[in-house]
Every structure is written in C-alpha cells, then in structure tokens.
Amino acid sequence: MKIGRNEKCWCGSGKKFKHCHYGRENEAPVSKGEAIGHSQKNSSRKSCYVPADLQHECSKHIINAHTVSKSGSLKEIADESNHVLGLKINLPNIMKNGEKLILEKIGINQASTFKGFCSIHDKSLFSCIEDREFVGDDEQCLALMYRSVAKELYAKEGAFNTSEFVKTGDKGKPLLNQMFIQKFVADHQKGINAAIAELSELKSQLDDQLLRKSVGNLSHLIIDSSLPMPVAVSSIVSPITDFDGNLIQDLGDLSVVAEQLVFNSFSSGGKGYVVFSWSK
C-alpha cells in the first residue's frame, strides 16, 4: 500500500499519514497499565444528566448516584454487613477473574451507582421513589425511567470512549492487523453512535415531560409481589423478539430507529415490584 507522508491516512481519521499510522508497526504496544488507566478514568467520568434547562442549578458535587434505591431495594437483599452480590464490570476485575463475570460482594453505598447526577438533582429528581413508598403514580414511573435512560446513556458514551482507546491497540502490529482493528472499531462505533442517538432522543422526550413541556406519552406495566424482589436492577433493552420468539425489530439495520424497553426490579414497603416502561 503506497501512501505519501502528507496524504490522508488510510484509517479514516482525517489526519495526515505521517501524523497517524506512519511507522505504527514500530511503536511500543499499549501496555496493560495504560489499558487499566483508561478504564479507571473512563468509569470515573462526572456529569449531571438533567435537562439543559435545569443545569444552571447544578451543584459542583457529582455523586455516586444509585440506579436502584439504597433505602428500599438494596437493604432488602443485603447481608448483615450491608453487602449485596453484584458484578463489578471493569477491566481490572475482568483481568483478575480470567475474563469471566463473577458475582462479588459490594457495599450498598457503592452498588449500582454511576457518576451521573449532582447532589442537588439526585435528591430533587428521585426523592419521589427514594423517600416514599412506591404507589406507581406517573411521577414515580417517570423517575424510574429517567434514571435508567441516563445510566444507559452514560454507559454508551463510556463505550465510545473505550472504542477510541481500542484504536490505539494496533501499535506495534503488522499492517494487516492494524487494518483489521481499525475496521472492527469503525463498525462497532456505528452501532454505538446509533444507540447514543436513539437514547438521546428518548431522553429528550423524558426531559420535556419532566419539565412539563409535553403531555405524557409513556406506558408502564407494573407487576407487584407480596414479597421483596430478590434481584434489584435498573436497565434498558431493545428487544428483538416477542415472548413467542417472533422477530419484532432488526437491530442490525441502523436505518431503523430501535424501540427501547426500560425495566426496573426493586422493593418498597416490604413488597416487590417489576416495572416495564416504554414510549407509546
């Protein structure tokens, strides 16, 4: 492959070849320490995912915001030392466990948290589910949904940052390997960017409802139990089949906007709840 030093690099970065992949095969490979450092920095990013109209109220204190209620759900399933079983999904842990996901004890102050809200807005937005029993009203269901979407957007943005770091993983490798890595990351980023765009659009709808700029356009299915839920979770998924196994959407077609299903499993007032939420 003949490329002039001042031509655009073959990888699509937009940089000149001499400032990008020229001599890349002779560079020192990315070290384990560099990879762990990136992972730790990426997982400690701080932001407050409130609507833009409320950002002027933000405190400077970004906290470890719980995606699952500590007072209700986590205490219900914690052991006598206030620990729950959960997954620590980060690079150091994956390396330590031989690339396997293993349940570990996590203190309830750290379980199911992310640095996605400041102290002021974590309190004001979610006190309706943290400080009173769940009754399934519109305010509580919206709060559950908002927190799940914010957490997933935070995760997807983190995934994009990681994919950018993975691009540097071709240092010290032959040209063919470099091309494979760059092509893999480029394809992967198409999916991540599509997901970020879809989640941002859904969050925009929730922003408007939170600020009462639009009429509610959400549906919620609430399943209750007389006993607390043994598993606490807050997440969002794009289902590809219905309960009978029939295809309902093709996530491989990026020209189609994927539909999202938010789900929360938690406890409140000694009872258990599973709440599915979606945009109508």
C-alpha atoms as a PDB file:
ATOM      1  CA  MET A   1       0.000   0.000   0.000  1.00  0.00           C
ATOM      2  CA  LYS A   2       1.628   3.204  -1.184  1.00  0.00           C
ATOM      3  CA  ILE A   3       0.644   6.336   0.751  1.00  0.00           C
ATOM      4  CA  GLY A   4       2.532   9.615   0.762  1.00  0.00           C
ATOM      5  CA  ARG A   5       3.502  11.029   4.137  1.00  0.00           C
ATOM      6  CA  ASN A   6       1.310  14.078   3.587  1.00  0.00           C
ATOM      7  CA  GLU A   7      -1.705  12.191   2.243  1.00  0.00           C
ATOM      8  CA  LYS A   8      -4.759  11.403   4.379  1.00  0.00           C
ATOM      9  CA  CYS A   9      -4.237   8.275   6.443  1.00  0.00           C
ATOM     10  CA  TRP A  10      -5.907   5.073   5.233  1.00  0.00           C
ATOM     11  CA  CYS A  11      -7.669   4.559   8.598  1.00  0.00           C
ATOM     12  CA  GLY A  12     -10.147   7.387   8.043  1.00  0.00           C
ATOM     13  CA  SER A  13      -9.003   9.536  10.976  1.00  0.00           C
ATOM     14  CA  GLY A  14      -8.679  12.579   8.695  1.00  0.00           C
ATOM     15  CA  LYS A  15      -5.088  13.093   9.834  1.00  0.00           C
ATOM     16  CA  LYS A  16      -2.084  13.085   7.556  1.00  0.00           C
ATOM     17  CA  PHE A  17      -0.435   9.675   7.248  1.00  0.00           C
ATOM     18  CA  LYS A  18       2.771  10.962   8.880  1.00  0.00           C
ATOM     19  CA  HIS A  19       0.815  12.060  11.961  1.00  0.00           C
ATOM     20  CA  CYS A  20      -1.229   8.866  12.231  1.00  0.00           C
ATOM     21  CA  HIS A  21      -0.258   5.346  11.092  1.00  0.00           C
ATOM     22  CA  TYR A  22       3.139   6.036   9.535  1.00  0.00           C
ATOM     23  CA  GLY A  23       5.568   3.736  11.347  1.00  0.00           C
ATOM     24  CA  ARG A  24       2.818   2.414  13.627  1.00  0.00           C
ATOM     25  CA  GLU A  25       4.203  -1.143  13.419  1.00  0.00           C
ATOM     26  CA  ASN A  26       7.407   0.065  15.115  1.00  0.00           C
ATOM     27  CA  GLU A  27       5.680   1.791  18.047  1.00  0.00           C
ATOM     28  CA  ALA A  28       5.553   0.293  21.539  1.00  0.00           C
ATOM     29  CA  PRO A  29       2.359  -1.737  22.078  1.00  0.00           C
ATOM     30  CA  VAL A  30      -0.270  -0.473  24.505  1.00  0.00           C
ATOM     31  CA  SER A  31       0.616  -1.754  27.979  1.00  0.00           C
ATOM     32  CA  LYS A  32      -1.715  -3.378  30.486  1.00  0.00           C
ATOM     33  CA  GLY A  33      -1.166  -0.372  32.758  1.00  0.00           C
ATOM     34  CA  GLU A  34      -2.297   2.047  30.040  1.00  0.00           C
ATOM     35  CA  ALA A  35      -5.417  -0.025  29.417  1.00  0.00           C
ATOM     36  CA  ILE A  36      -6.285  -0.173  33.128  1.00  0.00           C
ATOM     37  CA  GLY A  37      -5.612   3.546  33.486  1.00  0.00           C
ATOM     38  CA  HIS A  38      -8.016   4.323  30.656  1.00  0.00           C
ATOM     39  CA  SER A  39     -10.667   2.019  32.151  1.00  0.00           C
ATOM     40  CA  GLN A  40     -10.453   3.682  35.555  1.00  0.00           C
ATOM     41  CA  LYS A  41     -10.513   7.197  34.131  1.00  0.00           C
ATOM     42  CA  ASN A  42     -13.462   6.352  31.880  1.00  0.00           C
ATOM     43  CA  SER A  43     -15.523   4.846  34.703  1.00  0.00           C
ATOM     44  CA  SER A  44     -14.953   7.889  36.927  1.00  0.00           C
ATOM     45  CA  ARG A  45     -16.254  10.468  34.407  1.00  0.00           C
ATOM     46  CA  LYS A  46     -18.542  13.015  36.036  1.00  0.00           C
ATOM     47  CA  SER A  47     -21.643  14.681  34.599  1.00  0.00           C
ATOM     48  CA  CYS A  48     -25.190  15.633  35.592  1.00  0.00           C
ATOM     49  CA  TYR A  49     -27.762  14.253  33.144  1.00  0.00           C
ATOM     50  CA  VAL A  50     -30.563  16.670  33.962  1.00  0.00           C
ATOM     51  CA  PRO A  51     -32.422  18.604  31.238  1.00  0.00           C
ATOM     52  CA  ALA A  52     -30.437  21.553  29.859  1.00  0.00           C
ATOM     53  CA  ASP A  53     -32.982  23.953  31.406  1.00  0.00           C
ATOM     54  CA  LEU A  54     -32.012  22.746  34.900  1.00  0.00           C
ATOM     55  CA  GLN A  55     -28.237  22.623  34.538  1.00  0.00           C
ATOM     56  CA  HIS A  56     -27.797  26.121  35.947  1.00  0.00           C
ATOM     57  CA  GLU A  57     -28.990  24.723  39.299  1.00  0.00           C
ATOM     58  CA  CYS A  58     -26.306  22.001  39.439  1.00  0.00           C
ATOM     59  CA  SER A  59     -24.023  21.793  42.414  1.00  0.00           C
ATOM     60  CA  LYS A  60     -20.340  21.190  41.795  1.00  0.00           C
ATOM     61  CA  HIS A  61     -20.609  17.919  43.700  1.00  0.00           C
ATOM     62  CA  ILE A  62     -21.203  14.988  41.331  1.00  0.00           C
ATOM     63  CA  ILE A  63     -22.076  11.970  43.453  1.00  0.00           C
ATOM     64  CA  ASN A  64     -22.247   8.202  43.126  1.00  0.00           C
ATOM     65  CA  ALA A  65     -25.919   8.217  42.141  1.00  0.00           C
ATOM     66  CA  HIS A  66     -27.813   4.996  42.812  1.00  0.00           C
ATOM     67  CA  THR A  67     -29.757   3.496  39.934  1.00  0.00           C
ATOM     68  CA  VAL A  68     -31.565   1.285  42.448  1.00  0.00           C
ATOM     69  CA  SER A  69     -32.919   2.636  45.728  1.00  0.00           C
ATOM     70  CA  LYS A  70     -30.494   2.013  48.577  1.00  0.00           C
ATOM     71  CA  SER A  71     -33.021   2.502  51.357  1.00  0.00           C
ATOM     72  CA  GLY A  72     -35.679   0.218  49.883  1.00  0.00           C
ATOM     73  CA  SER A  73     -34.270  -2.311  47.437  1.00  0.00           C
ATOM     74  CA  LEU A  74     -30.627  -2.786  48.358  1.00  0.00           C
ATOM     75  CA  LYS A  75     -31.199  -3.023  52.113  1.00  0.00           C
ATOM     76  CA  GLU A  76     -33.855  -5.673  51.496  1.00  0.00           C
ATOM     77  CA  ILE A  77     -31.351  -8.016  49.841  1.00  0.00           C
ATOM     78  CA  ALA A  78     -28.191  -7.029  51.738  1.00  0.00           C
ATOM     79  CA  ASP A  79     -26.470  -9.349  54.215  1.00  0.00           C
ATOM     80  CA  GLU A  80     -25.739  -8.461  57.835  1.00  0.00           C
ATOM     81  CA  SER A  81     -22.669  -6.484  56.748  1.00  0.00           C
ATOM     82  CA  ASN A  82     -24.746  -4.384  54.302  1.00  0.00           C
ATOM     83  CA  HIS A  83     -23.292  -6.029  51.198  1.00  0.00           C
ATOM     84  CA  VAL A  84     -25.111  -7.358  48.136  1.00  0.00           C
ATOM     85  CA  LEU A  85     -23.945  -9.693  45.380  1.00  0.00           C
ATOM     86  CA  GLY A  86     -23.287  -7.883  42.123  1.00  0.00           C
ATOM     87  CA  LEU A  87     -20.994  -7.578  39.113  1.00  0.00           C
ATOM     88  CA  LYS A  88     -18.013  -5.242  39.021  1.00  0.00           C
ATOM     89  CA  ILE A  89     -17.662  -4.787  35.274  1.00  0.00           C
ATOM     90  CA  ASN A  90     -14.326  -3.082  34.734  1.00  0.00           C
ATOM     91  CA  LEU A  91     -11.060  -4.048  33.046  1.00  0.00           C
ATOM     92  CA  PRO A  92      -9.017  -4.775  36.216  1.00  0.00           C
ATOM     93  CA  ASN A  93     -11.764  -7.080  37.504  1.00  0.00           C
ATOM     94  CA  ILE A  94     -12.180  -8.854  34.176  1.00  0.00           C
ATOM     95  CA  MET A  95      -8.424  -9.451  34.017  1.00  0.00           C
ATOM     96  CA  LYS A  96      -8.343 -10.681  37.619  1.00  0.00           C
ATOM     97  CA  ASN A  97     -11.197 -13.142  37.026  1.00  0.00           C
ATOM     98  CA  GLY A  98      -9.780 -14.633  33.840  1.00  0.00           C
ATOM     99  CA  GLU A  99     -12.184 -12.715  31.563  1.00  0.00           C
ATOM    100  CA  LYS A 100     -15.214 -14.118  33.397  1.00  0.00           C
ATOM    101  CA  LEU A 101     -18.006 -12.163  35.088  1.00  0.00           C
ATOM    102  CA  ILE A 102     -18.211 -13.328  38.701  1.00  0.00           C
ATOM    103  CA  LEU A 103     -20.634 -12.179  41.389  1.00  0.00           C
ATOM    104  CA  GLU A 104     -18.876 -10.385  44.231  1.00  0.00           C
ATOM    105  CA  LYS A 105     -19.891  -8.700  47.454  1.00  0.00           C
ATOM    106  CA  ILE A 106     -20.434  -4.940  47.034  1.00  0.00           C
ATOM    107  CA  GLY A 107     -21.318  -2.497  49.815  1.00  0.00           C
ATOM    108  CA  ILE A 108     -24.751  -0.939  49.329  1.00  0.00           C
ATOM    109  CA  ASN A 109     -23.218   2.546  49.233  1.00  0.00           C
ATOM    110  CA  GLN A 110     -21.341   1.580  46.062  1.00  0.00           C
ATOM    111  CA  ALA A 111     -23.697  -0.970  44.490  1.00  0.00           C
ATOM    112  CA  SER A 112     -25.453   0.043  41.285  1.00  0.00           C
ATOM    113  CA  THR A 113     -24.025   3.580  41.179  1.00  0.00           C
ATOM    114  CA  PHE A 114     -22.687   5.901  38.500  1.00  0.00           C
ATOM    115  CA  LYS A 115     -21.402   9.474  38.489  1.00  0.00           C
ATOM    116  CA  GLY A 116     -24.363  10.817  36.540  1.00  0.00           C
ATOM    117  CA  PHE A 117     -26.087  13.364  38.782  1.00  0.00           C
ATOM    118  CA  CYS A 118     -25.072  16.152  41.122  1.00  0.00           C
ATOM    119  CA  SER A 119     -26.142  16.078  44.769  1.00  0.00           C
ATOM    120  CA  ILE A 120     -28.929  18.614  44.195  1.00  0.00           C
ATOM    121  CA  HIS A 121     -30.619  16.907  41.267  1.00  0.00           C
ATOM    122  CA  ASP A 122     -30.169  13.359  42.515  1.00  0.00           C
ATOM    123  CA  LYS A 123     -32.259  14.443  45.509  1.00  0.00           C
ATOM    124  CA  SER A 124     -34.838  16.589  43.708  1.00  0.00           C
ATOM    125  CA  LEU A 125     -35.489  14.213  40.797  1.00  0.00           C
ATOM    126  CA  PHE A 126     -35.629  10.934  42.682  1.00  0.00           C
ATOM    127  CA  SER A 127     -36.925  11.757  46.157  1.00  0.00           C
ATOM    128  CA  CYS A 128     -40.340  10.564  44.928  1.00  0.00           C
ATOM    129  CA  ILE A 129     -39.005   6.993  44.791  1.00  0.00           C
ATOM    130  CA  GLU A 130     -36.322   7.218  47.471  1.00  0.00           C
ATOM    131  CA  ASP A 131     -38.316   8.903  50.248  1.00  0.00           C
ATOM    132  CA  ARG A 132     -41.815   7.449  49.879  1.00  0.00           C
ATOM    133  CA  GLU A 133     -43.345   4.063  49.243  1.00  0.00           C
ATOM    134  CA  PHE A 134     -43.972   3.072  45.655  1.00  0.00           C
ATOM    135  CA  VAL A 135     -47.579   3.513  44.532  1.00  0.00           C
ATOM    136  CA  GLY A 136     -46.964   3.528  40.805  1.00  0.00           C
ATOM    137  CA  ASP A 137     -48.059   7.080  40.022  1.00  0.00           C
ATOM    138  CA  ASP A 138     -46.851   8.971  36.937  1.00  0.00           C
ATOM    139  CA  GLU A 139     -44.145  10.874  38.837  1.00  0.00           C
ATOM    140  CA  GLN A 140     -42.568   7.719  40.251  1.00  0.00           C
ATOM    141  CA  CYS A 141     -42.700   5.786  36.977  1.00  0.00           C
ATOM    142  CA  LEU A 142     -41.141   8.704  35.095  1.00  0.00           C
ATOM    143  CA  ALA A 143     -38.357   8.951  37.691  1.00  0.00           C
ATOM    144  CA  LEU A 144     -37.594   5.236  37.373  1.00  0.00           C
ATOM    145  CA  MET A 145     -37.476   5.517  33.604  1.00  0.00           C
ATOM    146  CA  TYR A 146     -35.376   8.697  33.614  1.00  0.00           C
ATOM    147  CA  ARG A 147     -32.698   7.206  35.841  1.00  0.00           C
ATOM    148  CA  SER A 148     -32.427   4.045  33.708  1.00  0.00           C
ATOM    149  CA  VAL A 149     -32.079   6.019  30.476  1.00  0.00           C
ATOM    150  CA  ALA A 150     -29.475   8.372  31.979  1.00  0.00           C
ATOM    151  CA  LYS A 151     -27.419   5.421  33.241  1.00  0.00           C
ATOM    152  CA  GLU A 152     -27.538   3.658  29.853  1.00  0.00           C
ATOM    153  CA  LEU A 153     -26.558   6.864  28.024  1.00  0.00           C
ATOM    154  CA  TYR A 154     -23.623   7.249  30.433  1.00  0.00           C
ATOM    155  CA  ALA A 155     -22.606   3.642  29.688  1.00  0.00           C
ATOM    156  CA  LYS A 156     -22.861   4.040  25.904  1.00  0.00           C
ATOM    157  CA  GLU A 157     -20.803   7.236  25.968  1.00  0.00           C
ATOM    158  CA  GLY A 158     -18.230   5.355  28.011  1.00  0.00           C
ATOM    159  CA  ALA A 159     -18.263   2.549  25.431  1.00  0.00           C
ATOM    160  CA  PHE A 160     -17.494   5.081  22.700  1.00  0.00           C
ATOM    161  CA  ASN A 161     -14.548   6.417  24.715  1.00  0.00           C
ATOM    162  CA  THR A 162     -13.252   2.878  25.102  1.00  0.00           C
ATOM    163  CA  SER A 163     -13.588   2.215  21.372  1.00  0.00           C
ATOM    164  CA  GLU A 164     -11.444   5.290  20.707  1.00  0.00           C
ATOM    165  CA  PHE A 165      -8.810   3.855  23.028  1.00  0.00           C
ATOM    166  CA  VAL A 166      -9.023   0.459  21.299  1.00  0.00           C
ATOM    167  CA  LYS A 167      -7.948   2.180  18.071  1.00  0.00           C
ATOM    168  CA  THR A 168      -4.507   2.658  19.644  1.00  0.00           C
ATOM    169  CA  GLY A 169      -4.299  -1.101  20.236  1.00  0.00           C
ATOM    170  CA  ASP A 170      -2.756  -1.586  16.795  1.00  0.00           C
ATOM    171  CA  LYS A 171       0.557  -0.097  17.908  1.00  0.00           C
ATOM    172  CA  GLY A 172       3.440  -2.463  17.221  1.00  0.00           C
ATOM    173  CA  LYS A 173       1.334  -4.700  14.996  1.00  0.00           C
ATOM    174  CA  PRO A 174       1.738  -5.541  11.288  1.00  0.00           C
ATOM    175  CA  LEU A 175      -0.260  -3.526   8.756  1.00  0.00           C
ATOM    176  CA  LEU A 176      -2.869  -6.252   8.193  1.00  0.00           C
ATOM    177  CA  ASN A 177      -3.606  -6.389  11.923  1.00  0.00           C
ATOM    178  CA  GLN A 178      -3.794  -2.599  12.046  1.00  0.00           C
ATOM    179  CA  MET A 179      -6.373  -2.601   9.256  1.00  0.00           C
ATOM    180  CA  PHE A 180      -8.437  -5.304  10.969  1.00  0.00           C
ATOM    181  CA  ILE A 181      -8.506  -3.404  14.282  1.00  0.00           C
ATOM    182  CA  GLN A 182      -9.445  -0.085  12.646  1.00  0.00           C
ATOM    183  CA  LYS A 183     -12.224  -1.723  10.582  1.00  0.00           C
ATOM    184  CA  PHE A 184     -13.579  -3.544  13.636  1.00  0.00           C
ATOM    185  CA  VAL A 185     -13.675  -0.339  15.707  1.00  0.00           C
ATOM    186  CA  ALA A 186     -15.257   1.670  12.867  1.00  0.00           C
ATOM    187  CA  ASP A 187     -18.086  -0.863  12.524  1.00  0.00           C
ATOM    188  CA  HIS A 188     -18.504  -1.036  16.298  1.00  0.00           C
ATOM    189  CA  GLN A 189     -18.745   2.754  16.550  1.00  0.00           C
ATOM    190  CA  LYS A 190     -21.565   2.846  14.013  1.00  0.00           C
ATOM    191  CA  GLY A 191     -23.671   0.790  16.413  1.00  0.00           C
ATOM    192  CA  ILE A 192     -22.633   2.828  19.454  1.00  0.00           C
ATOM    193  CA  ASN A 193     -23.414   6.138  17.730  1.00  0.00           C
ATOM    194  CA  ALA A 194     -26.819   4.838  16.639  1.00  0.00           C
ATOM    195  CA  ALA A 195     -27.580   3.775  20.208  1.00  0.00           C
ATOM    196  CA  ILE A 196     -26.450   7.134  21.629  1.00  0.00           C
ATOM    197  CA  ALA A 197     -28.658   8.992  19.122  1.00  0.00           C
ATOM    198  CA  GLU A 198     -31.679   6.833  19.989  1.00  0.00           C
ATOM    199  CA  LEU A 199     -31.153   7.137  23.734  1.00  0.00           C
ATOM    200  CA  SER A 200     -30.640  10.899  23.444  1.00  0.00           C
ATOM    201  CA  GLU A 201     -33.945  11.205  21.582  1.00  0.00           C
ATOM    202  CA  LEU A 202     -35.749   9.171  24.251  1.00  0.00           C
ATOM    203  CA  LYS A 203     -34.126  11.240  27.000  1.00  0.00           C
ATOM    204  CA  SER A 204     -35.233  14.406  25.192  1.00  0.00           C
ATOM    205  CA  GLN A 205     -38.831  13.169  25.377  1.00  0.00           C
ATOM    206  CA  LEU A 206     -38.411  12.426  29.091  1.00  0.00           C
ATOM    207  CA  ASP A 207     -36.796  15.855  29.608  1.00  0.00           C
ATOM    208  CA  ASP A 208     -39.890  17.532  28.153  1.00  0.00           C
ATOM    209  CA  GLN A 209     -42.214  15.505  30.358  1.00  0.00           C
ATOM    210  CA  LEU A 210     -40.067  16.177  33.407  1.00  0.00           C
ATOM    211  CA  LEU A 211     -40.265  19.909  32.689  1.00  0.00           C
ATOM    212  CA  ARG A 212     -43.977  19.547  31.855  1.00  0.00           C
ATOM    213  CA  LYS A 213     -43.368  20.812  28.315  1.00  0.00           C
ATOM    214  CA  SER A 214     -45.361  17.949  26.829  1.00  0.00           C
ATOM    215  CA  VAL A 215     -48.256  15.686  27.691  1.00  0.00           C
ATOM    216  CA  GLY A 216     -47.323  12.257  28.996  1.00  0.00           C
ATOM    217  CA  ASN A 217     -46.683   9.773  26.184  1.00  0.00           C
ATOM    218  CA  LEU A 218     -45.448   6.818  28.223  1.00  0.00           C
ATOM    219  CA  SER A 219     -46.798   3.376  29.027  1.00  0.00           C
ATOM    220  CA  HIS A 220     -45.976   1.397  32.168  1.00  0.00           C
ATOM    221  CA  LEU A 221     -46.666  -2.189  33.143  1.00  0.00           C
ATOM    222  CA  ILE A 222     -46.390  -2.710  36.914  1.00  0.00           C
ATOM    223  CA  ILE A 223     -46.139  -6.223  38.352  1.00  0.00           C
ATOM    224  CA  ASP A 224     -46.237  -6.426  42.136  1.00  0.00           C
ATOM    225  CA  SER A 225     -45.319  -9.136  44.604  1.00  0.00           C
ATOM    226  CA  SER A 226     -46.219  -9.637  48.250  1.00  0.00           C
ATOM    227  CA  LEU A 227     -42.538 -10.297  48.940  1.00  0.00           C
ATOM    228  CA  PRO A 228     -39.468  -8.139  48.226  1.00  0.00           C
ATOM    229  CA  MET A 229     -37.665  -8.814  44.931  1.00  0.00           C
ATOM    230  CA  PRO A 230     -34.529 -10.979  45.326  1.00  0.00           C
ATOM    231  CA  VAL A 231     -32.833  -9.102  42.455  1.00  0.00           C
ATOM    232  CA  ALA A 232     -32.633  -5.311  42.146  1.00  0.00           C
ATOM    233  CA  VAL A 233     -31.901  -3.848  38.711  1.00  0.00           C
ATOM    234  CA  SER A 234     -32.444  -0.738  36.622  1.00  0.00           C
ATOM    235  CA  SER A 235     -31.751  -1.023  32.910  1.00  0.00           C
ATOM    236  CA  ILE A 236     -32.954  -0.655  29.339  1.00  0.00           C
ATOM    237  CA  VAL A 237     -33.005  -3.050  26.388  1.00  0.00           C
ATOM    238  CA  SER A 238     -34.032  -3.083  22.739  1.00  0.00           C
ATOM    239  CA  PRO A 239     -35.898  -6.406  22.455  1.00  0.00           C
ATOM    240  CA  ILE A 240     -35.574  -8.208  19.119  1.00  0.00           C
ATOM    241  CA  THR A 241     -38.309 -10.817  19.676  1.00  0.00           C
ATOM    242  CA  ASP A 242     -41.659 -11.011  21.417  1.00  0.00           C
ATOM    243  CA  PHE A 243     -42.449 -13.620  24.083  1.00  0.00           C
ATOM    244  CA  ASP A 244     -43.271 -16.155  21.362  1.00  0.00           C
ATOM    245  CA  GLY A 245     -39.918 -15.736  19.633  1.00  0.00           C
ATOM    246  CA  ASN A 246     -41.226 -13.694  16.710  1.00  0.00           C
ATOM    247  CA  LEU A 247     -38.871 -11.029  15.320  1.00  0.00           C
ATOM    248  CA  ILE A 248     -40.143  -7.551  16.192  1.00  0.00           C
ATOM    249  CA  GLN A 249     -37.171  -5.389  15.201  1.00  0.00           C
ATOM    250  CA  ASP A 250     -33.825  -5.811  13.460  1.00  0.00           C
ATOM    251  CA  LEU A 251     -31.044  -4.070  15.378  1.00  0.00           C
ATOM    252  CA  GLY A 252     -28.645  -4.774  12.519  1.00  0.00           C
ATOM    253  CA  ASP A 253     -30.487  -2.262  10.329  1.00  0.00           C
ATOM    254  CA  LEU A 254     -29.155   1.096  11.509  1.00  0.00           C
ATOM    255  CA  SER A 255     -31.562   2.961   9.221  1.00  0.00           C
ATOM    256  CA  VAL A 256     -34.400   1.927  11.548  1.00  0.00           C
ATOM    257  CA  VAL A 257     -34.716   3.645  14.941  1.00  0.00           C
ATOM    258  CA  ALA A 258     -34.731   0.927  17.592  1.00  0.00           C
ATOM    259  CA  GLU A 259     -37.523   0.914  20.169  1.00  0.00           C
ATOM    260  CA  GLN A 260     -36.465   0.769  23.798  1.00  0.00           C
ATOM    261  CA  LEU A 261     -37.944  -1.050  26.785  1.00  0.00           C
ATOM    262  CA  VAL A 262     -36.962   0.192  30.254  1.00  0.00           C
ATOM    263  CA  PHE A 263     -37.241  -2.209  33.175  1.00  0.00           C
ATOM    264  CA  ASN A 264     -36.789  -1.865  36.922  1.00  0.00           C
ATOM    265  CA  SER A 265     -36.915  -4.528  39.610  1.00  0.00           C
ATOM    266  CA  PHE A 266     -36.979  -3.241  43.188  1.00  0.00           C
ATOM    267  CA  SER A 267     -38.601  -3.380  46.616  1.00  0.00           C
ATOM    268  CA  SER A 268     -40.582  -0.815  48.547  1.00  0.00           C
ATOM    269  CA  GLY A 269     -42.561  -1.012  51.762  1.00  0.00           C
ATOM    270  CA  GLY A 270     -41.837  -4.708  52.144  1.00  0.00           C
ATOM    271  CA  LYS A 271     -43.283  -5.558  48.713  1.00  0.00           C
ATOM    272  CA  GLY A 272     -41.626  -6.274  45.393  1.00  0.00           C
ATOM    273  CA  TYR A 273     -42.167  -4.597  42.028  1.00  0.00           C
ATOM    274  CA  VAL A 274     -41.127  -5.042  38.408  1.00  0.00           C
ATOM    275  CA  VAL A 275     -41.928  -2.063  36.189  1.00  0.00           C
ATOM    276  CA  PHE A 276     -41.668  -2.100  32.384  1.00  0.00           C
ATOM    277  CA  SER A 277     -41.816   1.323  30.712  1.00  0.00           C
ATOM    278  CA  TRP A 278     -41.803   2.443  27.095  1.00  0.00           C
ATOM    279  CA  SER A 279     -42.689   5.346  24.840  1.00  0.00           C
ATOM    280  CA  LYS A 280     -46.116   4.726  23.241  1.00  0.00           C
END
